[in-house]
Amino acid sequence: MKMDIKNMVRDFASLGEAKKRSSVYVKAVSLLCAAIVALVLFFMNMTVRGVTDRILVVNTGGEFLQLKSMETDKLYETLLKAHCNAVAYYVNSFDRMSISGNQAQAVFLVEKSELNAIWNKYLNDRAYADAADRGVIYKCVFEKLHRVGIRDDGYNVLFTSILSIHDAGGVKRIRIYSRGDAIRTTPSYPENVTGFFFRNYTQEYELLDSSDGNKERN
């Protein structure tokens, strides 16, 4: 009987030791799992930070183009150039058939009050009358993006465009210096696909004389 008690005590002691070892193993495994999860989260966070400023370019089929990403600032610069190109064209290009249509498109790109000042200049210079009565064609194309200053709500921009005025007497060319604050808005198709919109927009004009190189700016 005494031997049985000793055996029982020994068995209970062994069981206690086994439970202690099991508890240690569980804690060790739990700590290891926690460490692995922490490392995974850390590397995921670093990876996400590395790609947040990059945009992957895909085609309409969902395939990656060139298997590389485009920097966000490069993308915005491209969109800004596209917006300046659209502004130069729709604000300053017209013929007898497109005056109203181009003005209607321009209001999605530039603040209406600033557009009115530009259109009033064309009106006072009889540009619209010449287009309607004599078939004069005004065609403006984007030339160059000269300056982009970063602001809290967008960019301060300076760009130039070339306005060609075609009439029976030939072609007159004018360089237009455009300044404004380009803010980000919600893109809309087809009115404003870039998502930029100009405020505080102004234009200055420089007459280009290709015959003798003289220039007049106003």
N, C-alpha and C. Protein backbone atom coordinates (compact mmCIF):
# COMPACT_ATOMS: atom_id res chain seq x y z
N MET A 1 0.83 -1.20 0.00
CA MET A 1 0.00 0.00 0.00
C MET A 1 0.86 1.25 0.00
N LYS A 2 1.97 1.19 0.80
CA LYS A 2 2.87 2.33 0.84
C LYS A 2 3.51 2.56 -0.51
N MET A 3 3.82 1.44 -1.21
CA MET A 3 4.43 1.56 -2.53
C MET A 3 3.46 2.21 -3.50
N ASP A 4 2.16 1.85 -3.37
CA ASP A 4 1.16 2.45 -4.27
C ASP A 4 1.06 3.94 -4.04
N ILE A 5 1.11 4.37 -2.77
CA ILE A 5 1.03 5.81 -2.47
C ILE A 5 2.24 6.53 -3.06
N LYS A 6 3.41 5.91 -2.89
CA LYS A 6 4.62 6.53 -3.45
C LYS A 6 4.52 6.64 -4.96
N ASN A 7 4.00 5.57 -5.58
CA ASN A 7 3.86 5.60 -7.04
C ASN A 7 2.88 6.68 -7.47
N MET A 8 1.77 6.81 -6.71
CA MET A 8 0.77 7.81 -7.04
C MET A 8 1.35 9.22 -6.90
N VAL A 9 2.12 9.43 -5.82
CA VAL A 9 2.75 10.75 -5.63
C VAL A 9 3.71 11.05 -6.76
N ARG A 10 4.49 10.00 -7.12
CA ARG A 10 5.45 10.20 -8.21
C ARG A 10 4.74 10.50 -9.52
N ASP A 11 3.61 9.79 -9.76
CA ASP A 11 2.86 10.03 -11.00
C ASP A 11 2.28 11.44 -11.03
N PHE A 12 1.73 11.88 -9.86
CA PHE A 12 1.19 13.25 -9.81
C PHE A 12 2.30 14.28 -10.03
N ALA A 13 3.46 14.01 -9.46
CA ALA A 13 4.59 14.94 -9.63
C ALA A 13 5.00 15.00 -11.09
N SER A 14 5.03 13.83 -11.74
CA SER A 14 5.38 13.79 -13.16
C SER A 14 4.35 14.53 -13.99
N LEU A 15 3.07 14.34 -13.62
CA LEU A 15 2.00 15.04 -14.34
C LEU A 15 2.12 16.54 -14.18
N GLY A 16 2.47 16.98 -12.96
CA GLY A 16 2.64 18.42 -12.73
C GLY A 16 3.78 18.99 -13.55
N GLU A 17 4.89 18.24 -13.59
CA GLU A 17 6.03 18.69 -14.39
C GLU A 17 5.66 18.76 -15.87
N ALA A 18 4.90 17.77 -16.32
CA ALA A 18 4.48 17.75 -17.73
C ALA A 18 3.60 18.95 -18.04
N LYS A 19 2.69 19.28 -17.10
CA LYS A 19 1.83 20.44 -17.31
C LYS A 19 2.64 21.73 -17.36
N LYS A 20 3.66 21.81 -16.46
CA LYS A 20 4.50 23.00 -16.47
C LYS A 20 5.24 23.13 -17.79
N ARG A 21 5.81 21.98 -18.25
CA ARG A 21 6.54 22.02 -19.52
C ARG A 21 5.60 22.38 -20.66
N SER A 22 4.38 21.81 -20.61
CA SER A 22 3.40 22.11 -21.66
C SER A 22 3.04 23.59 -21.66
N SER A 23 2.88 24.16 -20.45
CA SER A 23 2.57 25.59 -20.35
C SER A 23 3.69 26.44 -20.91
N VAL A 24 4.92 26.04 -20.61
CA VAL A 24 6.07 26.78 -21.14
C VAL A 24 6.11 26.69 -22.66
N TYR A 25 5.84 25.47 -23.20
CA TYR A 25 5.84 25.31 -24.65
C TYR A 25 4.76 26.17 -25.31
N VAL A 26 3.57 26.19 -24.69
CA VAL A 26 2.47 26.99 -25.25
C VAL A 26 2.83 28.47 -25.26
N LYS A 27 3.41 28.93 -24.14
CA LYS A 27 3.81 30.34 -24.07
C LYS A 27 4.88 30.66 -25.11
N ALA A 28 5.83 29.73 -25.26
CA ALA A 28 6.91 29.95 -26.22
C ALA A 28 6.36 30.01 -27.65
N VAL A 29 5.45 29.06 -27.95
CA VAL A 29 4.85 29.06 -29.29
C VAL A 29 4.03 30.32 -29.52
N SER A 30 3.28 30.75 -28.49
CA SER A 30 2.47 31.96 -28.61
C SER A 30 3.34 33.19 -28.86
N LEU A 31 4.44 33.28 -28.10
CA LEU A 31 5.36 34.40 -28.29
C LEU A 31 5.98 34.37 -29.68
N LEU A 32 6.34 33.17 -30.16
CA LEU A 32 6.91 33.04 -31.49
C LEU A 32 5.92 33.47 -32.56
N CYS A 33 4.66 33.02 -32.41
CA CYS A 33 3.62 33.41 -33.37
C CYS A 33 3.40 34.92 -33.36
N ALA A 34 3.38 35.49 -32.15
CA ALA A 34 3.19 36.94 -32.04
C ALA A 34 4.34 37.68 -32.71
N ALA A 35 5.56 37.17 -32.52
CA ALA A 35 6.72 37.81 -33.15
C ALA A 35 6.63 37.72 -34.67
N ILE A 36 6.21 36.55 -35.17
CA ILE A 36 6.08 36.38 -36.62
C ILE A 36 5.02 37.32 -37.19
N VAL A 37 3.86 37.40 -36.50
CA VAL A 37 2.80 38.31 -36.95
C VAL A 37 3.29 39.75 -36.94
N ALA A 38 4.01 40.13 -35.88
CA ALA A 38 4.53 41.50 -35.80
C ALA A 38 5.48 41.79 -36.94
N LEU A 39 6.36 40.82 -37.26
CA LEU A 39 7.29 41.02 -38.37
C LEU A 39 6.54 41.13 -39.70
N VAL A 40 5.53 40.28 -39.89
CA VAL A 40 4.75 40.34 -41.13
C VAL A 40 4.06 41.69 -41.27
N LEU A 41 3.44 42.17 -40.17
CA LEU A 41 2.78 43.47 -40.22
C LEU A 41 3.77 44.59 -40.49
N PHE A 42 4.97 44.48 -39.90
CA PHE A 42 5.99 45.50 -40.11
C PHE A 42 6.39 45.57 -41.58
N PHE A 43 6.68 44.40 -42.16
CA PHE A 43 7.10 44.39 -43.56
C PHE A 43 5.95 44.79 -44.49
N MET A 44 4.72 44.42 -44.14
CA MET A 44 3.57 44.86 -44.94
C MET A 44 3.44 46.37 -44.90
N ASN A 45 3.63 46.95 -43.71
CA ASN A 45 3.54 48.40 -43.57
C ASN A 45 4.62 49.10 -44.39
N MET A 46 5.85 48.56 -44.34
CA MET A 46 6.93 49.15 -45.12
C MET A 46 6.65 49.03 -46.61
N THR A 47 6.08 47.90 -47.03
CA THR A 47 5.77 47.71 -48.44
C THR A 47 4.69 48.68 -48.90
N VAL A 48 3.64 48.83 -48.07
CA VAL A 48 2.56 49.75 -48.42
C VAL A 48 3.07 51.18 -48.52
N ARG A 49 3.93 51.57 -47.56
CA ARG A 49 4.49 52.92 -47.61
C ARG A 49 5.29 53.13 -48.88
N GLY A 50 5.95 52.08 -49.33
CA GLY A 50 6.78 52.22 -50.52
C GLY A 50 6.00 52.36 -51.80
N VAL A 51 4.73 51.90 -51.79
CA VAL A 51 3.95 51.93 -53.02
C VAL A 51 2.81 52.93 -52.98
N THR A 52 2.59 53.60 -51.86
CA THR A 52 1.47 54.53 -51.80
C THR A 52 1.64 55.69 -52.76
N ASP A 53 2.88 56.07 -53.07
CA ASP A 53 3.11 57.18 -53.98
C ASP A 53 3.31 56.72 -55.41
N ARG A 54 2.95 55.48 -55.70
CA ARG A 54 3.10 54.97 -57.05
C ARG A 54 1.75 54.48 -57.54
N ILE A 55 1.51 54.65 -58.83
CA ILE A 55 0.26 54.22 -59.44
C ILE A 55 0.60 53.23 -60.54
N LEU A 56 0.00 52.06 -60.50
CA LEU A 56 0.25 51.07 -61.51
C LEU A 56 -0.61 51.37 -62.74
N VAL A 57 0.01 51.32 -63.90
CA VAL A 57 -0.67 51.64 -65.14
C VAL A 57 -1.12 50.35 -65.80
N VAL A 58 -2.40 50.24 -66.10
CA VAL A 58 -2.94 49.04 -66.74
C VAL A 58 -3.71 49.45 -67.97
N ASN A 59 -3.87 48.51 -68.90
CA ASN A 59 -4.67 48.79 -70.08
C ASN A 59 -6.11 48.38 -69.82
N THR A 60 -6.96 48.50 -70.83
CA THR A 60 -8.38 48.21 -70.65
C THR A 60 -8.64 46.74 -70.33
N GLY A 61 -7.68 45.88 -70.64
CA GLY A 61 -7.84 44.47 -70.33
C GLY A 61 -7.35 44.09 -68.95
N GLY A 62 -6.89 45.08 -68.19
CA GLY A 62 -6.41 44.82 -66.85
C GLY A 62 -4.97 44.37 -66.78
N GLU A 63 -4.23 44.44 -67.90
CA GLU A 63 -2.84 44.02 -67.91
C GLU A 63 -1.93 45.21 -67.60
N PHE A 64 -0.87 44.95 -66.83
CA PHE A 64 0.08 46.00 -66.50
C PHE A 64 0.85 46.42 -67.74
N LEU A 65 1.02 47.73 -67.89
CA LEU A 65 1.79 48.25 -69.01
C LEU A 65 3.24 48.43 -68.59
N GLN A 66 4.16 47.87 -69.35
CA GLN A 66 5.59 47.98 -69.15
C GLN A 66 6.04 47.37 -67.82
N LEU A 67 5.14 46.72 -67.10
CA LEU A 67 5.46 46.04 -65.85
C LEU A 67 6.19 46.93 -64.86
N LYS A 68 5.86 48.21 -64.83
CA LYS A 68 6.46 49.11 -63.86
C LYS A 68 5.46 50.19 -63.50
N SER A 69 5.72 50.92 -62.42
CA SER A 69 4.80 51.94 -61.94
C SER A 69 5.23 53.32 -62.39
N MET A 70 4.27 54.24 -62.37
CA MET A 70 4.52 55.62 -62.75
C MET A 70 4.47 56.49 -61.51
N GLU A 71 5.44 57.36 -61.34
CA GLU A 71 5.47 58.24 -60.19
C GLU A 71 4.25 59.15 -60.21
N THR A 72 3.67 59.39 -59.04
CA THR A 72 2.47 60.21 -58.95
C THR A 72 2.70 61.61 -59.47
N ASP A 73 3.85 62.20 -59.13
CA ASP A 73 4.09 63.57 -59.59
C ASP A 73 4.21 63.64 -61.10
N LYS A 74 4.78 62.61 -61.72
CA LYS A 74 4.87 62.58 -63.18
C LYS A 74 3.48 62.46 -63.80
N LEU A 75 2.64 61.66 -63.16
CA LEU A 75 1.28 61.51 -63.66
C LEU A 75 0.53 62.83 -63.56
N TYR A 76 0.65 63.53 -62.41
CA TYR A 76 -0.02 64.81 -62.24
C TYR A 76 0.51 65.84 -63.24
N GLU A 77 1.81 65.81 -63.51
CA GLU A 77 2.37 66.75 -64.48
C GLU A 77 1.79 66.50 -65.87
N THR A 78 1.65 65.23 -66.22
CA THR A 78 1.07 64.89 -67.52
C THR A 78 -0.39 65.34 -67.59
N LEU A 79 -1.15 65.10 -66.51
CA LEU A 79 -2.54 65.53 -66.48
C LEU A 79 -2.65 67.05 -66.53
N LEU A 80 -1.72 67.74 -65.85
CA LEU A 80 -1.74 69.20 -65.84
C LEU A 80 -1.45 69.75 -67.23
N LYS A 81 -0.50 69.16 -67.94
CA LYS A 81 -0.22 69.58 -69.31
C LYS A 81 -1.44 69.35 -70.21
N ALA A 82 -2.10 68.22 -70.02
CA ALA A 82 -3.30 67.95 -70.81
C ALA A 82 -4.39 68.97 -70.51
N HIS A 83 -4.50 69.37 -69.24
CA HIS A 83 -5.50 70.37 -68.88
C HIS A 83 -5.15 71.73 -69.50
N CYS A 84 -3.89 72.13 -69.43
CA CYS A 84 -3.47 73.39 -70.04
C CYS A 84 -3.72 73.38 -71.54
N ASN A 85 -3.49 72.25 -72.17
CA ASN A 85 -3.75 72.11 -73.60
C ASN A 85 -5.23 72.33 -73.90
N ALA A 86 -6.09 71.72 -73.08
CA ALA A 86 -7.53 71.88 -73.28
C ALA A 86 -7.97 73.32 -73.03
N VAL A 87 -7.42 73.95 -71.99
CA VAL A 87 -7.76 75.34 -71.69
C VAL A 87 -7.35 76.26 -72.83
N ALA A 88 -6.12 76.10 -73.31
CA ALA A 88 -5.64 76.94 -74.41
C ALA A 88 -6.56 76.83 -75.62
N TYR A 89 -6.97 75.61 -75.92
CA TYR A 89 -7.80 75.41 -77.11
C TYR A 89 -9.22 75.96 -76.93
N TYR A 90 -9.91 75.53 -75.88
CA TYR A 90 -11.32 75.88 -75.76
C TYR A 90 -11.55 77.34 -75.40
N VAL A 91 -10.60 77.98 -74.72
CA VAL A 91 -10.77 79.38 -74.36
C VAL A 91 -10.48 80.30 -75.55
N ASN A 92 -9.52 79.92 -76.40
CA ASN A 92 -9.03 80.84 -77.42
C ASN A 92 -9.25 80.39 -78.86
N SER A 93 -9.76 79.20 -79.08
CA SER A 93 -9.98 78.71 -80.45
C SER A 93 -11.46 78.81 -80.81
N PHE A 94 -11.73 79.29 -82.02
CA PHE A 94 -13.12 79.36 -82.47
C PHE A 94 -13.18 79.75 -83.94
N ASP A 95 -14.28 79.39 -84.57
CA ASP A 95 -14.65 79.88 -85.89
C ASP A 95 -16.15 80.16 -85.84
N ARG A 96 -16.75 80.44 -86.97
CA ARG A 96 -18.16 80.83 -86.94
C ARG A 96 -19.08 79.72 -86.41
N MET A 97 -18.63 78.47 -86.50
CA MET A 97 -19.47 77.35 -86.08
C MET A 97 -19.21 76.89 -84.64
N SER A 98 -18.08 77.28 -84.05
CA SER A 98 -17.69 76.67 -82.77
C SER A 98 -17.59 77.65 -81.60
N ILE A 99 -18.01 78.89 -81.79
CA ILE A 99 -17.87 79.88 -80.71
C ILE A 99 -18.62 79.42 -79.46
N SER A 100 -19.90 79.14 -79.60
CA SER A 100 -20.72 78.78 -78.44
C SER A 100 -20.30 77.44 -77.84
N GLY A 101 -20.00 76.47 -78.69
CA GLY A 101 -19.63 75.15 -78.21
C GLY A 101 -18.33 75.15 -77.42
N ASN A 102 -17.33 75.88 -77.91
CA ASN A 102 -16.05 75.93 -77.19
C ASN A 102 -16.18 76.70 -75.88
N GLN A 103 -17.00 77.75 -75.87
CA GLN A 103 -17.21 78.47 -74.62
C GLN A 103 -17.92 77.60 -73.59
N ALA A 104 -18.88 76.81 -74.05
CA ALA A 104 -19.59 75.92 -73.14
C ALA A 104 -18.65 74.88 -72.53
N GLN A 105 -17.69 74.40 -73.32
CA GLN A 105 -16.72 73.43 -72.80
C GLN A 105 -15.74 74.09 -71.84
N ALA A 106 -15.37 75.34 -72.11
CA ALA A 106 -14.36 76.02 -71.30
C ALA A 106 -14.81 76.23 -69.86
N VAL A 107 -16.11 76.38 -69.63
CA VAL A 107 -16.58 76.66 -68.26
C VAL A 107 -16.36 75.47 -67.33
N PHE A 108 -16.09 74.28 -67.88
CA PHE A 108 -15.76 73.13 -67.04
C PHE A 108 -14.27 73.10 -66.68
N LEU A 109 -13.49 74.01 -67.26
CA LEU A 109 -12.04 73.99 -67.09
C LEU A 109 -11.51 75.20 -66.33
N VAL A 110 -12.23 76.34 -66.40
CA VAL A 110 -11.76 77.60 -65.84
C VAL A 110 -12.94 78.31 -65.17
N GLU A 111 -12.64 79.07 -64.12
CA GLU A 111 -13.66 79.86 -63.43
C GLU A 111 -14.38 80.78 -64.41
N LYS A 112 -15.72 80.80 -64.35
CA LYS A 112 -16.52 81.52 -65.33
C LYS A 112 -16.24 83.03 -65.32
N SER A 113 -16.06 83.62 -64.14
CA SER A 113 -15.84 85.06 -64.08
C SER A 113 -14.56 85.46 -64.79
N GLU A 114 -13.51 84.64 -64.71
CA GLU A 114 -12.26 84.95 -65.40
C GLU A 114 -12.38 84.72 -66.91
N LEU A 115 -13.19 83.74 -67.29
CA LEU A 115 -13.44 83.53 -68.71
C LEU A 115 -14.17 84.72 -69.32
N ASN A 116 -15.10 85.30 -68.59
CA ASN A 116 -15.85 86.44 -69.12
C ASN A 116 -14.92 87.60 -69.46
N ALA A 117 -13.89 87.83 -68.64
CA ALA A 117 -12.94 88.91 -68.93
C ALA A 117 -12.20 88.64 -70.24
N ILE A 118 -11.82 87.39 -70.48
CA ILE A 118 -11.11 87.04 -71.71
C ILE A 118 -12.05 87.15 -72.91
N TRP A 119 -13.25 86.63 -72.77
CA TRP A 119 -14.19 86.66 -73.89
C TRP A 119 -14.64 88.09 -74.21
N ASN A 120 -14.72 88.94 -73.20
CA ASN A 120 -15.06 90.34 -73.45
C ASN A 120 -13.97 91.03 -74.27
N LYS A 121 -12.71 90.64 -74.05
CA LYS A 121 -11.62 91.20 -74.86
C LYS A 121 -11.79 90.79 -76.32
N TYR A 122 -12.07 89.51 -76.56
CA TYR A 122 -12.30 89.06 -77.93
C TYR A 122 -13.50 89.78 -78.54
N LEU A 123 -14.53 89.99 -77.73
CA LEU A 123 -15.73 90.68 -78.22
C LEU A 123 -15.41 92.12 -78.59
N ASN A 124 -14.69 92.82 -77.72
CA ASN A 124 -14.34 94.22 -77.98
C ASN A 124 -13.37 94.37 -79.14
N ASP A 125 -12.53 93.35 -79.36
CA ASP A 125 -11.59 93.37 -80.49
C ASP A 125 -12.25 92.91 -81.79
N ARG A 126 -13.54 92.65 -81.76
CA ARG A 126 -14.33 92.20 -82.92
C ARG A 126 -13.86 90.84 -83.45
N ALA A 127 -13.23 90.05 -82.59
CA ALA A 127 -12.77 88.74 -83.02
C ALA A 127 -13.95 87.83 -83.35
N TYR A 128 -14.98 87.85 -82.51
CA TYR A 128 -16.15 87.01 -82.77
C TYR A 128 -16.90 87.49 -84.01
N ALA A 129 -16.98 88.79 -84.19
CA ALA A 129 -17.64 89.33 -85.38
C ALA A 129 -16.88 88.94 -86.64
N ASP A 130 -15.55 89.01 -86.59
CA ASP A 130 -14.75 88.62 -87.75
C ASP A 130 -14.92 87.14 -88.07
N ALA A 131 -15.00 86.32 -87.02
CA ALA A 131 -15.19 84.88 -87.24
C ALA A 131 -16.55 84.60 -87.86
N ALA A 132 -17.59 85.30 -87.37
CA ALA A 132 -18.94 85.05 -87.85
C ALA A 132 -19.18 85.65 -89.23
N ASP A 133 -18.64 86.86 -89.48
CA ASP A 133 -18.96 87.58 -90.71
C ASP A 133 -17.95 87.33 -91.83
N ARG A 134 -16.68 87.19 -91.49
CA ARG A 134 -15.65 87.08 -92.52
C ARG A 134 -14.98 85.72 -92.58
N GLY A 135 -15.39 84.81 -91.71
CA GLY A 135 -14.82 83.47 -91.74
C GLY A 135 -13.42 83.36 -91.18
N VAL A 136 -13.02 84.32 -90.33
CA VAL A 136 -11.70 84.26 -89.70
C VAL A 136 -11.66 83.09 -88.71
N ILE A 137 -10.55 82.39 -88.70
CA ILE A 137 -10.40 81.22 -87.83
C ILE A 137 -9.33 81.49 -86.78
N TYR A 138 -9.68 81.30 -85.52
CA TYR A 138 -8.75 81.42 -84.39
C TYR A 138 -8.43 80.00 -83.91
N LYS A 139 -7.16 79.65 -83.94
CA LYS A 139 -6.74 78.32 -83.49
C LYS A 139 -5.58 78.46 -82.53
N CYS A 140 -5.75 77.94 -81.30
CA CYS A 140 -4.73 78.07 -80.26
C CYS A 140 -4.25 76.68 -79.84
N VAL A 141 -2.93 76.52 -79.76
CA VAL A 141 -2.35 75.24 -79.35
C VAL A 141 -1.39 75.47 -78.19
N PHE A 142 -1.37 74.53 -77.28
CA PHE A 142 -0.48 74.57 -76.12
C PHE A 142 0.98 74.54 -76.59
N GLU A 143 1.82 75.39 -75.95
CA GLU A 143 3.24 75.43 -76.31
C GLU A 143 4.11 74.78 -75.24
N LYS A 144 4.06 75.30 -74.00
CA LYS A 144 4.99 74.81 -72.99
C LYS A 144 4.48 75.13 -71.59
N LEU A 145 4.74 74.21 -70.67
CA LEU A 145 4.49 74.44 -69.25
C LEU A 145 5.77 74.98 -68.63
N HIS A 146 5.75 76.26 -68.21
CA HIS A 146 6.97 76.92 -67.77
C HIS A 146 7.21 76.79 -66.26
N ARG A 147 6.16 76.85 -65.47
CA ARG A 147 6.35 76.84 -64.02
C ARG A 147 5.17 76.16 -63.34
N VAL A 148 5.50 75.34 -62.34
CA VAL A 148 4.47 74.70 -61.52
C VAL A 148 4.89 74.87 -60.06
N GLY A 149 4.16 75.69 -59.32
CA GLY A 149 4.42 75.88 -57.90
C GLY A 149 3.41 75.12 -57.07
N ILE A 150 3.89 74.36 -56.10
CA ILE A 150 3.00 73.53 -55.27
C ILE A 150 2.31 74.40 -54.23
N ARG A 151 1.00 74.24 -54.12
CA ARG A 151 0.19 74.93 -53.12
C ARG A 151 -0.55 73.89 -52.29
N ASP A 152 -1.16 74.35 -51.19
CA ASP A 152 -1.91 73.42 -50.34
C ASP A 152 -3.08 72.79 -51.08
N ASP A 153 -3.72 73.57 -51.95
CA ASP A 153 -4.91 73.07 -52.64
C ASP A 153 -4.68 72.79 -54.11
N GLY A 154 -3.42 72.77 -54.55
CA GLY A 154 -3.15 72.49 -55.96
C GLY A 154 -1.82 73.05 -56.41
N TYR A 155 -1.82 73.69 -57.59
CA TYR A 155 -0.59 74.18 -58.19
C TYR A 155 -0.80 75.58 -58.76
N ASN A 156 0.25 76.41 -58.63
CA ASN A 156 0.28 77.70 -59.31
C ASN A 156 1.03 77.51 -60.62
N VAL A 157 0.40 77.85 -61.73
CA VAL A 157 0.89 77.42 -63.04
C VAL A 157 1.13 78.61 -63.96
N LEU A 158 2.20 78.53 -64.74
CA LEU A 158 2.45 79.44 -65.85
C LEU A 158 2.72 78.60 -67.08
N PHE A 159 1.94 78.83 -68.14
CA PHE A 159 2.18 78.12 -69.39
C PHE A 159 1.93 79.06 -70.56
N THR A 160 2.46 78.70 -71.71
CA THR A 160 2.27 79.50 -72.92
C THR A 160 1.59 78.67 -74.00
N SER A 161 0.93 79.38 -74.89
CA SER A 161 0.30 78.76 -76.05
C SER A 161 0.43 79.72 -77.23
N ILE A 162 0.26 79.21 -78.42
CA ILE A 162 0.38 80.01 -79.63
C ILE A 162 -0.99 80.09 -80.31
N LEU A 163 -1.46 81.32 -80.47
CA LEU A 163 -2.73 81.57 -81.15
C LEU A 163 -2.44 81.99 -82.59
N SER A 164 -2.99 81.25 -83.54
CA SER A 164 -2.86 81.58 -84.96
C SER A 164 -4.20 82.08 -85.47
N ILE A 165 -4.18 83.27 -86.09
CA ILE A 165 -5.40 83.88 -86.61
C ILE A 165 -5.33 83.83 -88.13
N HIS A 166 -6.22 83.04 -88.73
CA HIS A 166 -6.20 82.82 -90.17
C HIS A 166 -7.32 83.65 -90.82
N ASP A 167 -6.94 84.54 -91.73
CA ASP A 167 -7.93 85.25 -92.53
C ASP A 167 -7.43 85.36 -93.96
N ALA A 168 -8.16 86.09 -94.79
CA ALA A 168 -7.80 86.17 -96.21
C ALA A 168 -6.44 86.82 -96.42
N GLY A 169 -6.00 87.66 -95.49
CA GLY A 169 -4.72 88.35 -95.65
C GLY A 169 -3.53 87.55 -95.18
N GLY A 170 -3.73 86.38 -94.61
CA GLY A 170 -2.62 85.57 -94.13
C GLY A 170 -2.85 85.07 -92.71
N VAL A 171 -1.75 84.84 -92.00
CA VAL A 171 -1.82 84.28 -90.65
C VAL A 171 -1.05 85.19 -89.70
N LYS A 172 -1.69 85.56 -88.61
CA LYS A 172 -1.04 86.32 -87.54
C LYS A 172 -0.90 85.41 -86.33
N ARG A 173 0.28 85.44 -85.72
CA ARG A 173 0.56 84.56 -84.59
C ARG A 173 0.76 85.38 -83.32
N ILE A 174 0.17 84.90 -82.23
CA ILE A 174 0.25 85.57 -80.93
C ILE A 174 0.61 84.53 -79.88
N ARG A 175 1.59 84.86 -79.05
CA ARG A 175 1.90 83.98 -77.91
C ARG A 175 1.08 84.45 -76.71
N ILE A 176 0.41 83.50 -76.07
CA ILE A 176 -0.42 83.80 -74.90
C ILE A 176 0.27 83.25 -73.65
N TYR A 177 0.47 84.13 -72.67
CA TYR A 177 1.02 83.74 -71.37
C TYR A 177 -0.15 83.57 -70.40
N SER A 178 -0.35 82.36 -69.95
CA SER A 178 -1.49 82.04 -69.07
C SER A 178 -1.00 81.72 -67.67
N ARG A 179 -1.65 82.31 -66.68
CA ARG A 179 -1.34 82.07 -65.27
C ARG A 179 -2.62 81.72 -64.53
N GLY A 180 -2.48 80.86 -63.52
CA GLY A 180 -3.65 80.51 -62.73
C GLY A 180 -3.32 79.49 -61.66
N ASP A 181 -4.28 79.28 -60.77
CA ASP A 181 -4.16 78.26 -59.72
C ASP A 181 -4.98 77.05 -60.13
N ALA A 182 -4.30 75.95 -60.38
CA ALA A 182 -4.96 74.71 -60.78
C ALA A 182 -5.28 73.89 -59.54
N ILE A 183 -6.56 73.72 -59.24
CA ILE A 183 -6.98 72.93 -58.08
C ILE A 183 -7.49 71.58 -58.56
N ARG A 184 -7.50 70.61 -57.64
CA ARG A 184 -7.99 69.28 -57.97
C ARG A 184 -9.49 69.21 -57.75
N THR A 185 -10.20 68.66 -58.73
CA THR A 185 -11.63 68.43 -58.62
C THR A 185 -11.93 67.00 -59.06
N THR A 186 -13.18 66.63 -59.01
CA THR A 186 -13.57 65.30 -59.47
C THR A 186 -13.60 65.25 -60.99
N PRO A 187 -12.85 64.35 -61.62
CA PRO A 187 -12.89 64.27 -63.08
C PRO A 187 -14.28 63.91 -63.58
N SER A 188 -14.61 64.39 -64.76
CA SER A 188 -15.88 64.05 -65.39
C SER A 188 -15.65 63.90 -66.88
N TYR A 189 -16.29 62.92 -67.46
CA TYR A 189 -16.14 62.67 -68.90
C TYR A 189 -17.43 63.04 -69.62
N PRO A 190 -17.32 63.78 -70.74
CA PRO A 190 -16.09 64.25 -71.40
C PRO A 190 -15.72 65.68 -71.04
N GLU A 191 -16.42 66.29 -70.07
CA GLU A 191 -16.23 67.72 -69.81
C GLU A 191 -14.85 68.04 -69.24
N ASN A 192 -14.40 67.25 -68.24
CA ASN A 192 -13.11 67.54 -67.59
C ASN A 192 -12.49 66.22 -67.17
N VAL A 193 -11.73 65.62 -68.05
CA VAL A 193 -11.19 64.28 -67.80
C VAL A 193 -9.96 64.31 -66.92
N THR A 194 -9.29 65.46 -66.77
CA THR A 194 -8.06 65.51 -65.98
C THR A 194 -8.32 65.73 -64.50
N GLY A 195 -9.46 66.34 -64.14
CA GLY A 195 -9.74 66.62 -62.74
C GLY A 195 -9.11 67.90 -62.23
N PHE A 196 -8.52 68.71 -63.12
CA PHE A 196 -7.99 70.01 -62.72
C PHE A 196 -8.98 71.12 -63.09
N PHE A 197 -8.89 72.25 -62.37
CA PHE A 197 -9.77 73.39 -62.63
C PHE A 197 -9.01 74.66 -62.26
N PHE A 198 -9.03 75.65 -63.17
CA PHE A 198 -8.27 76.88 -62.96
C PHE A 198 -9.11 77.95 -62.26
N ARG A 199 -8.49 78.55 -61.24
CA ARG A 199 -9.00 79.76 -60.61
C ARG A 199 -7.93 80.84 -60.72
N ASN A 200 -8.35 82.11 -60.58
CA ASN A 200 -7.42 83.25 -60.71
C ASN A 200 -6.67 83.18 -62.03
N TYR A 201 -7.40 82.85 -63.08
CA TYR A 201 -6.79 82.63 -64.40
C TYR A 201 -6.73 83.94 -65.18
N THR A 202 -5.54 84.25 -65.72
CA THR A 202 -5.35 85.45 -66.54
C THR A 202 -4.53 85.11 -67.78
N GLN A 203 -4.62 85.99 -68.79
CA GLN A 203 -3.86 85.82 -70.02
C GLN A 203 -3.21 87.14 -70.42
N GLU A 204 -1.97 87.06 -70.87
CA GLU A 204 -1.28 88.19 -71.50
C GLU A 204 -0.89 87.78 -72.91
N TYR A 205 -0.78 88.78 -73.81
CA TYR A 205 -0.62 88.49 -75.22
C TYR A 205 0.64 89.15 -75.77
N GLU A 206 1.37 88.38 -76.56
CA GLU A 206 2.59 88.87 -77.20
C GLU A 206 2.48 88.62 -78.70
N LEU A 207 2.46 89.70 -79.48
CA LEU A 207 2.36 89.58 -80.93
C LEU A 207 3.69 89.09 -81.50
N LEU A 208 3.64 88.02 -82.26
CA LEU A 208 4.84 87.45 -82.88
C LEU A 208 4.87 87.87 -84.35
N ASP A 209 5.95 88.53 -84.74
CA ASP A 209 6.12 88.95 -86.13
C ASP A 209 7.28 88.17 -86.72
N SER A 210 6.99 87.15 -87.50
CA SER A 210 8.04 86.28 -88.02
C SER A 210 8.87 86.94 -89.10
N SER A 211 8.39 88.07 -89.67
CA SER A 211 9.12 88.70 -90.77
C SER A 211 10.34 89.46 -90.30
N ASP A 212 10.21 90.22 -89.16
CA ASP A 212 11.36 91.00 -88.70
C ASP A 212 11.74 90.73 -87.25
N GLY A 213 11.02 89.78 -86.61
CA GLY A 213 11.37 89.39 -85.25
C GLY A 213 10.87 90.33 -84.19
N ASN A 214 10.12 91.38 -84.56
CA ASN A 214 9.59 92.30 -83.56
C ASN A 214 8.48 91.64 -82.77
N LYS A 215 8.41 91.98 -81.49
CA LYS A 215 7.39 91.42 -80.62
C LYS A 215 6.74 92.53 -79.83
N GLU A 216 5.44 92.41 -79.65
CA GLU A 216 4.70 93.39 -78.87
C GLU A 216 3.85 92.64 -77.86
N ARG A 217 4.00 92.98 -76.57
CA ARG A 217 3.29 92.26 -75.52
C ARG A 217 2.34 93.20 -74.80
N ASN A 218 1.12 92.71 -74.55
CA ASN A 218 0.15 93.50 -73.80
C ASN A 218 -0.68 92.61 -72.91
